Amino acid sequence: MTDAPADTRPRIAITMGDGAGVGPEVIVKSLAHRDLYERCQPLVVGDLSRLKAAEAVVRSGLRFTAIKADQVDAAAYEAGTVTCLDLGLLPADLPWGVISAKAGDAAYQYIKTAVDLVREGVVDAICTAPLNKEALHAGGHKYPGHTELLAELTGTPEVSMMLTAPGLRVIHVTTHMGLLDAIARIEPGLVERTIARGHAVLEAAGLSRKKIGVCGINPHAGENGLFGGGEEETKIAPAIAACRARGWDVEGPLPADTLFFRAGRGDFDLVVAMYHDQGHGPVKVLGIEAGVNITVGMPAVRTSVDHGTAFDIAGKGIVDERSLLEALRQAIALAPHRGARPAL
């Protein structure tokens, strides 16, 4: 009698996010797509009771099973059944669409638990449903968002935010800070490290061409000193030169308005944006329902929806699950298969 072949599907921890928002619904809707189970082992880290409440409005016909942390390896992860590591943190009467300190704290605990599972080597990637920053702060956790929270929990001193949409990838040199603070923060070392993290993602995705376009800070990338104070020359150009010295195909600094157009038509595989709105705007114009947020530079892959908790429609069963589906597909594409990565 021969042993059954090992299940090498990557195991993805899906954190439930803020339970008062649309996270539980997008998870239930996404896991109703049976083809996901052919390519991964989805494990929801959250509250079983809230997932069932979401099922009551979504009506996807799914079954649910609760497991404990020591049962993660033994679970079946079969289509039609949602496997939940049930932390049981939310009150049964939690209203939809209302800021809650309890929901904010629970969202933090889901993330912390998922990071612990990565450290133990029992999951291969994390995919996050949205949290609410106000609720997170009310729950006692003062972080600007998922990216900074995950960086601290994984002990990673510096990470980058990458957004993807159909035909476009954008990695950010700075994110959640004021524009003046962002310009002050940008310097050649940070720009070079950001480009390097983006290049590593393109390699992990198996792209044969890895052409990277780097935005300037000022209109027309400064136009040879006509605009700004020479930031392109002092803050960005040295980093591009260093990356080219590594043999990488990097071009810039380029005017952001034309660079995004050129990237959209396929001239570049990755755009490096200097600050939050420079990169977020073009991605979200292409369609927030298909956007994905990837945290780059951590010890494990983390992807996320590119939308918020949508309190205005939470509990109504009408949320679009396409962003989470795409986030799961990106996690599957970037994560190692089971047994290919040691515990952290």
C-alpha atoms as a PDB file:
ATOM      1  CA  MET A   1       0.000   0.000   0.000  1.00  0.00           C
ATOM      2  CA  THR A   2       1.479   3.344  -1.061  1.00  0.00           C
ATOM      3  CA  ASP A   3       1.136   6.568   0.891  1.00  0.00           C
ATOM      4  CA  ALA A   4      -1.150   9.278  -0.489  1.00  0.00           C
ATOM      5  CA  PRO A   5       0.791  12.068  -2.222  1.00  0.00           C
ATOM      6  CA  ALA A   6       1.504  15.105  -0.075  1.00  0.00           C
ATOM      7  CA  ASP A   7      -0.819  18.072  -0.526  1.00  0.00           C
ATOM      8  CA  THR A   8       1.480  20.769  -1.917  1.00  0.00           C
ATOM      9  CA  ARG A   9      -1.174  23.458  -2.428  1.00  0.00           C
ATOM     10  CA  PRO A  10       0.028  26.648  -0.689  1.00  0.00           C
ATOM     11  CA  ARG A  11      -1.900  27.319   2.502  1.00  0.00           C
ATOM     12  CA  ILE A  12      -3.222  30.871   2.659  1.00  0.00           C
ATOM     13  CA  ALA A  13      -4.314  32.448   5.956  1.00  0.00           C
ATOM     14  CA  ILE A  14      -7.228  34.783   5.169  1.00  0.00           C
ATOM     15  CA  THR A  15      -7.694  37.281   7.995  1.00  0.00           C
ATOM     16  CA  MET A  16     -11.281  38.426   8.475  1.00  0.00           C
ATOM     17  CA  GLY A  17     -10.522  42.118   8.976  1.00  0.00           C
ATOM     18  CA  ASP A  18     -13.064  44.315  10.746  1.00  0.00           C
ATOM     19  CA  GLY A  19     -16.070  42.147  11.506  1.00  0.00           C
ATOM     20  CA  ALA A  20     -18.442  45.116  11.294  1.00  0.00           C
ATOM     21  CA  GLY A  21     -17.416  45.731   7.676  1.00  0.00           C
ATOM     22  CA  VAL A  22     -17.662  43.756   4.464  1.00  0.00           C
ATOM     23  CA  GLY A  23     -14.730  41.438   5.206  1.00  0.00           C
ATOM     24  CA  PRO A  24     -16.815  38.443   6.302  1.00  0.00           C
ATOM     25  CA  GLU A  25     -19.045  38.792   3.229  1.00  0.00           C
ATOM     26  CA  VAL A  26     -16.239  39.054   0.664  1.00  0.00           C
ATOM     27  CA  ILE A  27     -14.593  36.011   2.252  1.00  0.00           C
ATOM     28  CA  VAL A  28     -17.763  33.937   2.068  1.00  0.00           C
ATOM     29  CA  LYS A  29     -18.448  35.043  -1.501  1.00  0.00           C
ATOM     30  CA  SER A  30     -14.869  34.327  -2.574  1.00  0.00           C
ATOM     31  CA  LEU A  31     -14.706  30.868  -1.008  1.00  0.00           C
ATOM     32  CA  ALA A  32     -17.857  29.907  -2.886  1.00  0.00           C
ATOM     33  CA  HIS A  33     -15.626  29.841  -5.999  1.00  0.00           C
ATOM     34  CA  ARG A  34     -14.716  26.170  -5.963  1.00  0.00           C
ATOM     35  CA  ASP A  35     -11.755  26.513  -8.343  1.00  0.00           C
ATOM     36  CA  LEU A  36      -9.757  28.294  -5.613  1.00  0.00           C
ATOM     37  CA  TYR A  37      -9.485  25.012  -3.751  1.00  0.00           C
ATOM     38  CA  GLU A  38      -7.743  23.400  -6.704  1.00  0.00           C
ATOM     39  CA  ARG A  39      -4.827  25.826  -6.210  1.00  0.00           C
ATOM     40  CA  CYS A  40      -4.648  26.581  -2.478  1.00  0.00           C
ATOM     41  CA  GLN A  41      -5.680  25.586   1.035  1.00  0.00           C
ATOM     42  CA  PRO A  42      -7.690  28.583   2.303  1.00  0.00           C
ATOM     43  CA  LEU A  43      -7.773  29.028   6.086  1.00  0.00           C
ATOM     44  CA  VAL A  44      -9.898  31.848   7.492  1.00  0.00           C
ATOM     45  CA  VAL A  45      -8.545  33.387  10.694  1.00  0.00           C
ATOM     46  CA  GLY A  46     -11.505  35.092  12.324  1.00  0.00           C
ATOM     47  CA  ASP A  47     -14.824  34.429  14.049  1.00  0.00           C
ATOM     48  CA  LEU A  48     -16.996  31.544  12.892  1.00  0.00           C
ATOM     49  CA  SER A  49     -20.179  33.199  14.162  1.00  0.00           C
ATOM     50  CA  ARG A  50     -19.522  36.291  12.022  1.00  0.00           C
ATOM     51  CA  LEU A  51     -18.849  34.214   8.922  1.00  0.00           C
ATOM     52  CA  LYS A  52     -22.170  32.466   9.476  1.00  0.00           C
ATOM     53  CA  ALA A  53     -23.884  35.838   9.865  1.00  0.00           C
ATOM     54  CA  ALA A  54     -22.363  36.846   6.524  1.00  0.00           C
ATOM     55  CA  GLU A  55     -23.560  33.593   4.969  1.00  0.00           C
ATOM     56  CA  ALA A  56     -27.085  34.433   6.126  1.00  0.00           C
ATOM     57  CA  VAL A  57     -27.089  37.497   3.857  1.00  0.00           C
ATOM     58  CA  VAL A  58     -24.883  36.145   1.050  1.00  0.00           C
ATOM     59  CA  ARG A  59     -26.593  32.721   0.827  1.00  0.00           C
ATOM     60  CA  SER A  60     -23.756  30.929  -0.970  1.00  0.00           C
ATOM     61  CA  GLY A  61     -24.683  27.488   0.339  1.00  0.00           C
ATOM     62  CA  LEU A  62     -21.340  26.936   2.073  1.00  0.00           C
ATOM     63  CA  ARG A  63     -20.708  24.767   5.113  1.00  0.00           C
ATOM     64  CA  PHE A  64     -18.425  25.846   7.973  1.00  0.00           C
ATOM     65  CA  THR A  65     -16.023  24.032  10.242  1.00  0.00           C
ATOM     66  CA  ALA A  66     -14.129  25.465  13.207  1.00  0.00           C
ATOM     67  CA  ILE A  67     -10.639  24.314  14.084  1.00  0.00           C
ATOM     68  CA  LYS A  68      -7.993  25.145  16.690  1.00  0.00           C
ATOM     69  CA  ALA A  69      -4.420  26.226  16.022  1.00  0.00           C
ATOM     70  CA  ASP A  70      -3.050  22.710  16.546  1.00  0.00           C
ATOM     71  CA  GLN A  71      -5.451  21.331  13.896  1.00  0.00           C
ATOM     72  CA  VAL A  72      -4.333  23.534  10.986  1.00  0.00           C
ATOM     73  CA  ASP A  73      -2.159  20.854   9.370  1.00  0.00           C
ATOM     74  CA  ALA A  74      -4.813  18.157   9.693  1.00  0.00           C
ATOM     75  CA  ALA A  75      -7.738  20.091   8.168  1.00  0.00           C
ATOM     76  CA  ALA A  76      -9.077  18.990   4.757  1.00  0.00           C
ATOM     77  CA  TYR A  77      -9.574  22.363   2.975  1.00  0.00           C
ATOM     78  CA  GLU A  78     -12.256  21.058   0.636  1.00  0.00           C
ATOM     79  CA  ALA A  79     -14.418  23.059  -1.748  1.00  0.00           C
ATOM     80  CA  GLY A  80     -17.838  23.824  -0.304  1.00  0.00           C
ATOM     81  CA  THR A  81     -16.557  24.022   3.272  1.00  0.00           C
ATOM     82  CA  VAL A  82     -15.032  27.100   4.907  1.00  0.00           C
ATOM     83  CA  THR A  83     -12.324  26.140   7.399  1.00  0.00           C
ATOM     84  CA  CYS A  84     -12.059  28.749  10.160  1.00  0.00           C
ATOM     85  CA  LEU A  85      -9.505  29.112  12.912  1.00  0.00           C
ATOM     86  CA  ASP A  86     -12.151  30.503  15.242  1.00  0.00           C
ATOM     87  CA  LEU A  87     -10.863  33.056  17.746  1.00  0.00           C
ATOM     88  CA  GLY A  88     -14.348  33.833  19.089  1.00  0.00           C
ATOM     89  CA  LEU A  89     -13.664  37.510  19.806  1.00  0.00           C
ATOM     90  CA  LEU A  90     -16.779  39.286  18.541  1.00  0.00           C
ATOM     91  CA  PRO A  91     -20.051  39.757  20.443  1.00  0.00           C
ATOM     92  CA  ALA A  92     -23.069  38.094  18.875  1.00  0.00           C
ATOM     93  CA  ASP A  93     -24.915  41.411  18.648  1.00  0.00           C
ATOM     94  CA  LEU A  94     -22.143  43.340  16.854  1.00  0.00           C
ATOM     95  CA  PRO A  95     -23.962  45.649  14.422  1.00  0.00           C
ATOM     96  CA  TRP A  96     -22.914  45.933  10.801  1.00  0.00           C
ATOM     97  CA  GLY A  97     -21.414  49.207   9.631  1.00  0.00           C
ATOM     98  CA  VAL A  98     -20.613  50.754  13.028  1.00  0.00           C
ATOM     99  CA  ILE A  99     -17.193  51.609  14.471  1.00  0.00           C
ATOM    100  CA  SER A 100     -16.400  49.148  17.270  1.00  0.00           C
ATOM    101  CA  ALA A 101     -13.352  48.966  19.530  1.00  0.00           C
ATOM    102  CA  LYS A 102     -13.989  45.235  19.959  1.00  0.00           C
ATOM    103  CA  ALA A 103     -13.984  44.701  16.210  1.00  0.00           C
ATOM    104  CA  GLY A 104     -10.816  46.793  15.913  1.00  0.00           C
ATOM    105  CA  ASP A 105      -9.014  44.732  18.532  1.00  0.00           C
ATOM    106  CA  ALA A 106     -10.258  41.501  16.931  1.00  0.00           C
ATOM    107  CA  ALA A 107      -8.901  42.593  13.535  1.00  0.00           C
ATOM    108  CA  TYR A 108      -5.490  43.053  15.174  1.00  0.00           C
ATOM    109  CA  GLN A 109      -5.664  39.630  16.830  1.00  0.00           C
ATOM    110  CA  TYR A 110      -6.500  37.935  13.506  1.00  0.00           C
ATOM    111  CA  ILE A 111      -3.381  39.466  11.948  1.00  0.00           C
ATOM    112  CA  LYS A 112      -1.191  38.554  14.908  1.00  0.00           C
ATOM    113  CA  THR A 113      -2.438  34.963  14.791  1.00  0.00           C
ATOM    114  CA  ALA A 114      -1.764  34.712  11.051  1.00  0.00           C
ATOM    115  CA  VAL A 115       1.791  35.998  11.554  1.00  0.00           C
ATOM    116  CA  ASP A 116       2.312  33.392  14.282  1.00  0.00           C
ATOM    117  CA  LEU A 117       1.152  30.683  11.853  1.00  0.00           C
ATOM    118  CA  VAL A 118       3.655  31.913   9.267  1.00  0.00           C
ATOM    119  CA  ARG A 119       6.423  31.852  11.876  1.00  0.00           C
ATOM    120  CA  GLU A 120       5.523  28.261  12.725  1.00  0.00           C
ATOM    121  CA  GLY A 121       5.613  27.273   9.059  1.00  0.00           C
ATOM    122  CA  VAL A 122       2.013  26.053   8.927  1.00  0.00           C
ATOM    123  CA  VAL A 123       0.817  28.700   6.456  1.00  0.00           C
ATOM    124  CA  ASP A 124       2.656  30.019   3.401  1.00  0.00           C
ATOM    125  CA  ALA A 125       1.066  33.434   2.839  1.00  0.00           C
ATOM    126  CA  ILE A 126      -1.406  35.907   4.331  1.00  0.00           C
ATOM    127  CA  CYS A 127      -4.341  37.484   2.519  1.00  0.00           C
ATOM    128  CA  THR A 128      -6.152  40.219   4.429  1.00  0.00           C
ATOM    129  CA  ALA A 129      -9.727  41.458   4.333  1.00  0.00           C
ATOM    130  CA  PRO A 130     -10.029  45.192   5.143  1.00  0.00           C
ATOM    131  CA  LEU A 131      -9.718  46.676   8.616  1.00  0.00           C
ATOM    132  CA  ASN A 132     -10.922  50.076   9.803  1.00  0.00           C
ATOM    133  CA  LYS A 133      -8.182  52.368  11.109  1.00  0.00           C
ATOM    134  CA  GLU A 134     -10.492  54.237  13.504  1.00  0.00           C
ATOM    135  CA  ALA A 135     -11.726  50.972  15.004  1.00  0.00           C
ATOM    136  CA  LEU A 136      -8.163  49.625  15.165  1.00  0.00           C
ATOM    137  CA  HIS A 137      -7.078  52.714  17.118  1.00  0.00           C
ATOM    138  CA  ALA A 138     -10.137  52.500  19.382  1.00  0.00           C
ATOM    139  CA  GLY A 139      -9.136  48.911  20.109  1.00  0.00           C
ATOM    140  CA  GLY A 140      -5.760  50.118  21.396  1.00  0.00           C
ATOM    141  CA  HIS A 141      -3.571  49.474  18.342  1.00  0.00           C
ATOM    142  CA  LYS A 142      -2.080  52.685  16.948  1.00  0.00           C
ATOM    143  CA  TYR A 143      -0.985  51.803  13.424  1.00  0.00           C
ATOM    144  CA  PRO A 144      -1.622  53.698  10.162  1.00  0.00           C
ATOM    145  CA  GLY A 145      -2.766  50.456   8.544  1.00  0.00           C
ATOM    146  CA  HIS A 146      -2.036  46.827   7.715  1.00  0.00           C
ATOM    147  CA  THR A 147       1.371  47.516   6.179  1.00  0.00           C
ATOM    148  CA  GLU A 148       2.905  49.107   9.250  1.00  0.00           C
ATOM    149  CA  LEU A 149       1.241  46.596  11.580  1.00  0.00           C
ATOM    150  CA  LEU A 150       2.603  43.631   9.653  1.00  0.00           C
ATOM    151  CA  ALA A 151       6.073  45.160   9.493  1.00  0.00           C
ATOM    152  CA  GLU A 152       6.208  45.417  13.288  1.00  0.00           C
ATOM    153  CA  LEU A 153       4.747  41.968  13.932  1.00  0.00           C
ATOM    154  CA  THR A 154       7.233  40.315  11.570  1.00  0.00           C
ATOM    155  CA  GLY A 155      10.170  42.345  12.833  1.00  0.00           C
ATOM    156  CA  THR A 156      10.765  43.812   9.388  1.00  0.00           C
ATOM    157  CA  PRO A 157      12.419  47.250   9.597  1.00  0.00           C
ATOM    158  CA  GLU A 158      11.287  48.412   6.168  1.00  0.00           C
ATOM    159  CA  VAL A 159       8.595  47.225   3.772  1.00  0.00           C
ATOM    160  CA  SER A 160       6.979  48.602   0.631  1.00  0.00           C
ATOM    161  CA  MET A 161       3.393  48.789  -0.560  1.00  0.00           C
ATOM    162  CA  MET A 162       2.712  47.490  -4.050  1.00  0.00           C
ATOM    163  CA  LEU A 163      -0.637  47.915  -5.760  1.00  0.00           C
ATOM    164  CA  THR A 164      -1.672  45.907  -8.792  1.00  0.00           C
ATOM    165  CA  ALA A 165      -4.523  46.324 -11.238  1.00  0.00           C
ATOM    166  CA  PRO A 166      -5.090  44.788 -14.656  1.00  0.00           C
ATOM    167  CA  GLY A 167      -2.044  45.770 -16.695  1.00  0.00           C
ATOM    168  CA  LEU A 168      -0.344  47.818 -13.971  1.00  0.00           C
ATOM    169  CA  ARG A 169       1.953  47.256 -10.967  1.00  0.00           C
ATOM    170  CA  VAL A 170       2.967  50.165  -8.725  1.00  0.00           C
ATOM    171  CA  ILE A 171       5.367  50.112  -5.763  1.00  0.00           C
ATOM    172  CA  HIS A 172       5.581  53.099  -3.417  1.00  0.00           C
ATOM    173  CA  VAL A 173       8.685  54.726  -1.956  1.00  0.00           C
ATOM    174  CA  THR A 174       6.536  56.414   0.741  1.00  0.00           C
ATOM    175  CA  THR A 175       2.903  55.836   1.705  1.00  0.00           C
ATOM    176  CA  HIS A 176       1.015  57.028   4.776  1.00  0.00           C
ATOM    177  CA  MET A 177       2.490  60.444   5.468  1.00  0.00           C
ATOM    178  CA  GLY A 178       1.906  64.038   4.435  1.00  0.00           C
ATOM    179  CA  LEU A 179       3.294  65.181   1.112  1.00  0.00           C
ATOM    180  CA  LEU A 180       5.925  67.489   2.613  1.00  0.00           C
ATOM    181  CA  ASP A 181       7.033  64.709   4.971  1.00  0.00           C
ATOM    182  CA  ALA A 182       7.191  62.268   2.052  1.00  0.00           C
ATOM    183  CA  ILE A 183       9.451  64.551   0.006  1.00  0.00           C
ATOM    184  CA  ALA A 184      11.744  64.969   3.021  1.00  0.00           C
ATOM    185  CA  ARG A 185      11.794  61.192   3.568  1.00  0.00           C
ATOM    186  CA  ILE A 186      12.786  60.320  -0.001  1.00  0.00           C
ATOM    187  CA  GLU A 187      16.522  59.760  -0.440  1.00  0.00           C
ATOM    188  CA  PRO A 188      18.649  57.629  -2.798  1.00  0.00           C
ATOM    189  CA  GLY A 189      19.037  54.676  -0.417  1.00  0.00           C
ATOM    190  CA  LEU A 190      15.292  54.357   0.172  1.00  0.00           C
ATOM    191  CA  VAL A 191      14.558  54.659  -3.542  1.00  0.00           C
ATOM    192  CA  GLU A 192      17.132  51.989  -4.378  1.00  0.00           C
ATOM    193  CA  ARG A 193      15.800  49.598  -1.724  1.00  0.00           C
ATOM    194  CA  THR A 194      12.245  50.120  -2.991  1.00  0.00           C
ATOM    195  CA  ILE A 195      13.284  49.346  -6.563  1.00  0.00           C
ATOM    196  CA  ALA A 196      15.101  46.240  -5.316  1.00  0.00           C
ATOM    197  CA  ARG A 197      12.005  44.984  -3.487  1.00  0.00           C
ATOM    198  CA  GLY A 198       9.915  45.508  -6.603  1.00  0.00           C
ATOM    199  CA  HIS A 199      12.477  43.735  -8.773  1.00  0.00           C
ATOM    200  CA  ALA A 200      12.364  40.757  -6.383  1.00  0.00           C
ATOM    201  CA  VAL A 201       8.575  40.516  -6.818  1.00  0.00           C
ATOM    202  CA  LEU A 202       8.905  40.506 -10.595  1.00  0.00           C
ATOM    203  CA  GLU A 203      11.447  37.702 -10.279  1.00  0.00           C
ATOM    204  CA  ALA A 204       9.175  35.727  -7.937  1.00  0.00           C
ATOM    205  CA  ALA A 205       6.330  36.127 -10.431  1.00  0.00           C
ATOM    206  CA  GLY A 206       8.534  34.542 -13.094  1.00  0.00           C
ATOM    207  CA  LEU A 207       8.571  37.477 -15.525  1.00  0.00           C
ATOM    208  CA  SER A 208      11.169  37.129 -18.249  1.00  0.00           C
ATOM    209  CA  ARG A 209      11.208  40.911 -18.771  1.00  0.00           C
ATOM    210  CA  LYS A 210      11.538  43.089 -15.679  1.00  0.00           C
ATOM    211  CA  LYS A 211      11.399  46.663 -16.975  1.00  0.00           C
ATOM    212  CA  ILE A 212      10.941  49.268 -14.233  1.00  0.00           C
ATOM    213  CA  GLY A 213       9.938  52.912 -14.697  1.00  0.00           C
ATOM    214  CA  VAL A 214      10.641  55.375 -11.873  1.00  0.00           C
ATOM    215  CA  CYS A 215       8.496  58.489 -11.325  1.00  0.00           C
ATOM    216  CA  GLY A 216       9.880  61.899 -10.589  1.00  0.00           C
ATOM    217  CA  ILE A 217       8.569  64.028  -7.728  1.00  0.00           C
ATOM    218  CA  ASN A 218       7.857  67.289  -9.524  1.00  0.00           C
ATOM    219  CA  PRO A 219       5.746  67.997 -12.635  1.00  0.00           C
ATOM    220  CA  HIS A 220       7.562  66.803 -15.757  1.00  0.00           C
ATOM    221  CA  ALA A 221      10.135  65.170 -13.421  1.00  0.00           C
ATOM    222  CA  GLY A 222      11.519  68.629 -12.718  1.00  0.00           C
ATOM    223  CA  GLU A 223      12.193  69.378 -16.399  1.00  0.00           C
ATOM    224  CA  ASN A 224      15.931  69.859 -15.864  1.00  0.00           C
ATOM    225  CA  GLY A 225      15.516  72.052 -12.798  1.00  0.00           C
ATOM    226  CA  LEU A 226      12.636  74.193 -14.093  1.00  0.00           C
ATOM    227  CA  PHE A 227      10.293  72.834 -11.392  1.00  0.00           C
ATOM    228  CA  GLY A 228      11.207  72.059  -7.807  1.00  0.00           C
ATOM    229  CA  GLY A 229      14.564  72.216  -6.105  1.00  0.00           C
ATOM    230  CA  GLY A 230      16.509  69.552  -7.995  1.00  0.00           C
ATOM    231  CA  GLU A 231      14.922  66.639  -6.117  1.00  0.00           C
ATOM    232  CA  GLU A 232      15.052  64.309  -9.115  1.00  0.00           C
ATOM    233  CA  GLU A 233      18.791  64.797  -9.512  1.00  0.00           C
ATOM    234  CA  THR A 234      19.689  64.461  -5.833  1.00  0.00           C
ATOM    235  CA  LYS A 235      17.102  62.006  -4.465  1.00  0.00           C
ATOM    236  CA  ILE A 236      16.219  59.684  -7.357  1.00  0.00           C
ATOM    237  CA  ALA A 237      18.848  59.626 -10.112  1.00  0.00           C
ATOM    238  CA  PRO A 238      21.630  58.113  -7.924  1.00  0.00           C
ATOM    239  CA  ALA A 239      19.368  55.189  -7.000  1.00  0.00           C
ATOM    240  CA  ILE A 240      18.538  54.515 -10.646  1.00  0.00           C
ATOM    241  CA  ALA A 241      22.247  54.550 -11.511  1.00  0.00           C
ATOM    242  CA  ALA A 242      22.957  52.057  -8.715  1.00  0.00           C
ATOM    243  CA  CYS A 243      20.206  49.716  -9.933  1.00  0.00           C
ATOM    244  CA  ARG A 244      21.447  49.887 -13.510  1.00  0.00           C
ATOM    245  CA  ALA A 245      24.886  48.955 -12.203  1.00  0.00           C
ATOM    246  CA  ARG A 246      23.289  45.716 -10.963  1.00  0.00           C
ATOM    247  CA  GLY A 247      22.249  44.994 -14.542  1.00  0.00           C
ATOM    248  CA  TRP A 248      18.568  45.840 -14.019  1.00  0.00           C
ATOM    249  CA  ASP A 249      16.426  47.496 -16.679  1.00  0.00           C
ATOM    250  CA  VAL A 250      15.437  50.707 -14.848  1.00  0.00           C
ATOM    251  CA  GLU A 251      14.435  53.986 -16.504  1.00  0.00           C
ATOM    252  CA  GLY A 252      13.834  57.409 -14.948  1.00  0.00           C
ATOM    253  CA  PRO A 253      13.160  59.686 -13.286  1.00  0.00           C
ATOM    254  CA  LEU A 254      10.199  60.102 -15.635  1.00  0.00           C
ATOM    255  CA  PRO A 255       7.140  62.393 -15.598  1.00  0.00           C
ATOM    256  CA  ALA A 256       4.456  60.496 -13.702  1.00  0.00           C
ATOM    257  CA  ASP A 257       1.610  61.510 -16.018  1.00  0.00           C
ATOM    258  CA  THR A 258       3.158  59.944 -19.117  1.00  0.00           C
ATOM    259  CA  LEU A 259       4.839  57.073 -17.262  1.00  0.00           C
ATOM    260  CA  PHE A 260       1.534  55.638 -16.079  1.00  0.00           C
ATOM    261  CA  PHE A 261       0.137  55.894 -19.607  1.00  0.00           C
ATOM    262  CA  ARG A 262       3.161  54.089 -20.992  1.00  0.00           C
ATOM    263  CA  ALA A 263       2.965  51.411 -18.286  1.00  0.00           C
ATOM    264  CA  GLY A 264      -0.710  50.891 -19.050  1.00  0.00           C
ATOM    265  CA  ARG A 265       0.057  50.142 -22.683  1.00  0.00           C
ATOM    266  CA  GLY A 266       2.726  47.619 -21.654  1.00  0.00           C
ATOM    267  CA  ASP A 267       6.015  49.526 -21.867  1.00  0.00           C
ATOM    268  CA  PHE A 268       6.893  48.787 -18.217  1.00  0.00           C
ATOM    269  CA  ASP A 269       6.365  45.859 -15.858  1.00  0.00           C
ATOM    270  CA  LEU A 270       6.526  48.012 -12.714  1.00  0.00           C
ATOM    271  CA  VAL A 271       6.164  51.691 -11.844  1.00  0.00           C
ATOM    272  CA  VAL A 272       7.942  53.149  -8.802  1.00  0.00           C
ATOM    273  CA  ALA A 273       5.792  55.942  -7.303  1.00  0.00           C
ATOM    274  CA  MET A 274       7.304  58.453  -4.915  1.00  0.00           C
ATOM    275  CA  TYR A 275       4.281  59.079  -2.672  1.00  0.00           C
ATOM    276  CA  HIS A 276       0.829  57.728  -1.812  1.00  0.00           C
ATOM    277  CA  ASP A 277      -1.524  59.535  -4.186  1.00  0.00           C
ATOM    278  CA  GLN A 278       0.919  59.474  -7.101  1.00  0.00           C
ATOM    279  CA  GLY A 279       0.627  55.686  -7.145  1.00  0.00           C
ATOM    280  CA  HIS A 280      -2.838  55.057  -5.739  1.00  0.00           C
ATOM    281  CA  GLY A 281      -4.755  57.333  -8.091  1.00  0.00           C
ATOM    282  CA  PRO A 282      -3.933  55.587 -11.385  1.00  0.00           C
ATOM    283  CA  VAL A 283      -4.507  52.120  -9.914  1.00  0.00           C
ATOM    284  CA  LYS A 284      -7.918  53.000  -8.534  1.00  0.00           C
ATOM    285  CA  VAL A 285      -9.004  54.678 -11.752  1.00  0.00           C
ATOM    286  CA  LEU A 286      -8.459  51.309 -13.429  1.00  0.00           C
ATOM    287  CA  GLY A 287     -10.979  49.718 -11.067  1.00  0.00           C
ATOM    288  CA  ILE A 288     -10.865  49.277  -7.316  1.00  0.00           C
ATOM    289  CA  GLU A 289     -12.813  46.014  -7.599  1.00  0.00           C
ATOM    290  CA  ALA A 290      -9.840  44.344  -9.311  1.00  0.00           C
ATOM    291  CA  GLY A 291      -7.040  46.021  -7.353  1.00  0.00           C
ATOM    292  CA  VAL A 292      -4.712  44.191  -4.985  1.00  0.00           C
ATOM    293  CA  ASN A 293      -2.390  45.502  -2.257  1.00  0.00           C
ATOM    294  CA  ILE A 294       0.835  43.512  -1.735  1.00  0.00           C
ATOM    295  CA  THR A 295       3.207  44.105   1.171  1.00  0.00           C
ATOM    296  CA  VAL A 296       6.726  43.662  -0.210  1.00  0.00           C
ATOM    297  CA  GLY A 297       9.840  42.920   1.832  1.00  0.00           C
ATOM    298  CA  MET A 298       8.365  40.795   4.640  1.00  0.00           C
ATOM    299  CA  PRO A 299       9.494  37.217   5.331  1.00  0.00           C
ATOM    300  CA  ALA A 300       6.198  35.941   3.863  1.00  0.00           C
ATOM    301  CA  VAL A 301       3.846  36.996   1.105  1.00  0.00           C
ATOM    302  CA  ARG A 302       0.958  39.257   2.129  1.00  0.00           C
ATOM    303  CA  THR A 303      -1.763  40.380  -0.264  1.00  0.00           C
ATOM    304  CA  SER A 304      -4.957  42.301   0.406  1.00  0.00           C
ATOM    305  CA  VAL A 305      -8.033  43.762  -1.166  1.00  0.00           C
ATOM    306  CA  ASP A 306      -7.591  47.322  -2.366  1.00  0.00           C
ATOM    307  CA  HIS A 307     -10.801  48.611  -0.787  1.00  0.00           C
ATOM    308  CA  GLY A 308     -11.966  49.529   2.674  1.00  0.00           C
ATOM    309  CA  THR A 309     -14.525  48.170   5.096  1.00  0.00           C
ATOM    310  CA  ALA A 310     -17.437  49.779   3.174  1.00  0.00           C
ATOM    311  CA  PHE A 311     -19.572  50.255   6.288  1.00  0.00           C
ATOM    312  CA  ASP A 312     -22.339  51.759   4.142  1.00  0.00           C
ATOM    313  CA  ILE A 313     -23.074  48.402   2.482  1.00  0.00           C
ATOM    314  CA  ALA A 314     -21.907  45.970   5.189  1.00  0.00           C
ATOM    315  CA  GLY A 315     -24.419  43.272   6.062  1.00  0.00           C
ATOM    316  CA  LYS A 316     -26.409  43.714   2.844  1.00  0.00           C
ATOM    317  CA  GLY A 317     -24.803  40.931   0.804  1.00  0.00           C
ATOM    318  CA  ILE A 318     -24.059  43.184  -2.175  1.00  0.00           C
ATOM    319  CA  VAL A 319     -20.277  43.646  -1.858  1.00  0.00           C
ATOM    320  CA  ASP A 320     -18.158  42.718  -4.897  1.00  0.00           C
ATOM    321  CA  GLU A 321     -15.666  39.932  -4.122  1.00  0.00           C
ATOM    322  CA  ARG A 322     -13.441  40.353  -7.176  1.00  0.00           C
ATOM    323  CA  SER A 323     -10.662  42.213  -5.346  1.00  0.00           C
ATOM    324  CA  LEU A 324     -10.311  39.458  -2.735  1.00  0.00           C
ATOM    325  CA  LEU A 325     -10.373  36.793  -5.428  1.00  0.00           C
ATOM    326  CA  GLU A 326      -7.558  38.572  -7.227  1.00  0.00           C
ATOM    327  CA  ALA A 327      -5.663  39.016  -3.942  1.00  0.00           C
ATOM    328  CA  LEU A 328      -5.918  35.275  -3.335  1.00  0.00           C
ATOM    329  CA  ARG A 329      -4.718  34.529  -6.854  1.00  0.00           C
ATOM    330  CA  GLN A 330      -1.724  36.826  -6.342  1.00  0.00           C
ATOM    331  CA  ALA A 331      -0.942  35.137  -3.013  1.00  0.00           C
ATOM    332  CA  ILE A 332      -1.077  31.728  -4.682  1.00  0.00           C
ATOM    333  CA  ALA A 333       1.219  32.895  -7.498  1.00  0.00           C
ATOM    334  CA  LEU A 334       3.825  34.341  -5.108  1.00  0.00           C
ATOM    335  CA  ALA A 335       3.695  31.853  -2.227  1.00  0.00           C
ATOM    336  CA  PRO A 336       5.913  28.773  -2.028  1.00  0.00           C
ATOM    337  CA  HIS A 337       4.196  25.411  -2.234  1.00  0.00           C
ATOM    338  CA  ARG A 338       3.719  23.382   0.932  1.00  0.00           C
ATOM    339  CA  GLY A 339       6.999  22.099   2.313  1.00  0.00           C
ATOM    340  CA  ALA A 340       9.118  24.428   0.166  1.00  0.00           C
ATOM    341  CA  ARG A 341       9.736  27.027   2.892  1.00  0.00           C
ATOM    342  CA  PRO A 342      11.027  26.430   6.444  1.00  0.00           C
ATOM    343  CA  ALA A 343       9.438  28.030   9.480  1.00  0.00           C
ATOM    344  CA  LEU A 344      10.680  31.521  10.294  1.00  0.00           C
END
